[in-house]
């Protein structure tokens, strides 16, 4: 596991703890914020993992192909 993966996991874990703490203190707004942050971190991790897997599977030519179409897979929505 690379450092980026560990950082994403640590952030998600910290945000999740904060959401739990917010709920324990009846702070619904903060809880929702931290839950959204957890979801975003998990999405980042999934995208990084998929890109890493594709590079391992298809090699550096995969990266070159990403420069066409701005790296957006066919049928996928544009980046956030």
Protein backbone atom coordinates (compact mmCIF):
# COMPACT_ATOMS: atom_id res chain seq x y z
CA UNK A 1 0.00 0.00 0.00
CA UNK A 2 1.43 3.37 -0.97
CA UNK A 3 1.46 6.45 1.21
CA UNK A 4 -1.40 8.04 -0.74
CA UNK A 5 -3.62 5.04 -0.02
CA UNK A 6 -2.76 5.15 3.67
CA UNK A 7 -3.50 8.89 3.81
CA UNK A 8 -6.88 8.42 2.14
CA UNK A 9 -7.76 5.63 4.58
CA UNK A 10 -6.58 7.66 7.58
CA UNK A 11 -8.62 10.68 6.48
CA UNK A 12 -11.75 8.57 6.00
CA UNK A 13 -11.22 6.95 9.41
CA UNK A 14 -10.70 10.34 11.11
CA UNK A 15 -13.76 11.85 9.42
CA UNK A 16 -15.82 8.82 10.44
CA UNK A 17 -14.70 9.21 14.07
CA UNK A 18 -15.64 12.88 13.90
CA UNK A 19 -19.08 12.00 12.53
CA UNK A 20 -19.61 9.58 15.41
CA UNK A 21 -18.47 12.20 17.93
CA UNK A 22 -20.75 14.80 16.35
CA UNK A 23 -23.70 12.42 16.60
CA UNK A 24 -22.89 11.73 20.25
CA UNK A 25 -23.04 15.48 20.88
CA UNK A 26 -26.31 15.98 18.95
CA UNK A 27 -24.57 18.02 16.23
CA UNK A 28 -26.43 16.81 13.16
CA UNK A 29 -24.98 19.41 10.78
CA UNK A 30 -21.38 18.47 11.60
CA UNK A 31 -22.24 14.77 11.43
CA UNK A 32 -23.60 15.20 7.90
CA UNK A 33 -20.54 17.20 6.87
CA UNK A 34 -18.17 14.52 8.13
CA UNK A 35 -20.24 11.79 6.48
CA UNK A 36 -19.94 13.60 3.14
CA UNK A 37 -16.19 13.92 3.67
CA UNK A 38 -15.93 10.17 4.38
CA UNK A 39 -17.81 9.47 1.15
CA UNK A 40 -15.53 11.81 -0.82
CA UNK A 41 -12.36 10.21 0.60
CA UNK A 42 -13.65 6.73 -0.23
CA UNK A 43 -14.40 7.92 -3.77
CA UNK A 44 -10.86 9.32 -4.11
CA UNK A 45 -9.41 6.04 -2.90
CA UNK A 46 -11.51 4.05 -5.37
CA UNK A 47 -10.48 6.28 -8.30
CA UNK A 48 -6.79 6.12 -7.37
CA UNK A 49 -6.97 2.35 -6.98
CA UNK A 50 -8.68 1.95 -10.35
CA UNK A 51 -6.08 4.14 -12.08
CA UNK A 52 -3.26 2.22 -10.42
CA UNK A 53 -4.79 -1.11 -11.44
CA UNK A 54 -5.23 0.09 -15.03
CA UNK A 55 -1.61 1.25 -15.20
CA UNK A 56 -0.45 -2.12 -13.86
CA UNK A 57 -2.68 -3.98 -16.29
CA UNK A 58 -2.16 -1.92 -19.46
CA UNK A 59 1.20 -0.25 -18.84
CA UNK A 60 2.30 3.27 -19.54
CA UNK A 61 0.40 3.35 -22.82
CA UNK A 62 -2.73 3.54 -20.67
CA UNK A 63 -1.55 6.93 -19.42
CA UNK A 64 -0.94 8.13 -22.95
CA UNK A 65 -4.47 7.12 -23.92
CA UNK A 66 -5.80 9.12 -20.98
CA UNK A 67 -4.55 12.32 -22.59
CA UNK A 68 -7.13 11.82 -25.34
CA UNK A 69 -10.67 12.69 -24.21
CA UNK A 70 -9.18 14.30 -21.08
CA UNK A 71 -8.96 10.92 -19.38
CA UNK A 72 -12.73 10.54 -19.07
CA UNK A 73 -13.83 6.95 -19.76
CA UNK A 74 -16.56 6.55 -22.35
CA UNK A 75 -19.98 6.88 -20.75
CA UNK A 76 -18.60 8.41 -17.55
CA UNK A 77 -19.61 11.80 -16.21
CA UNK A 78 -17.08 14.61 -16.15
CA UNK A 79 -14.94 15.03 -13.04
CA UNK A 80 -16.43 16.84 -10.05
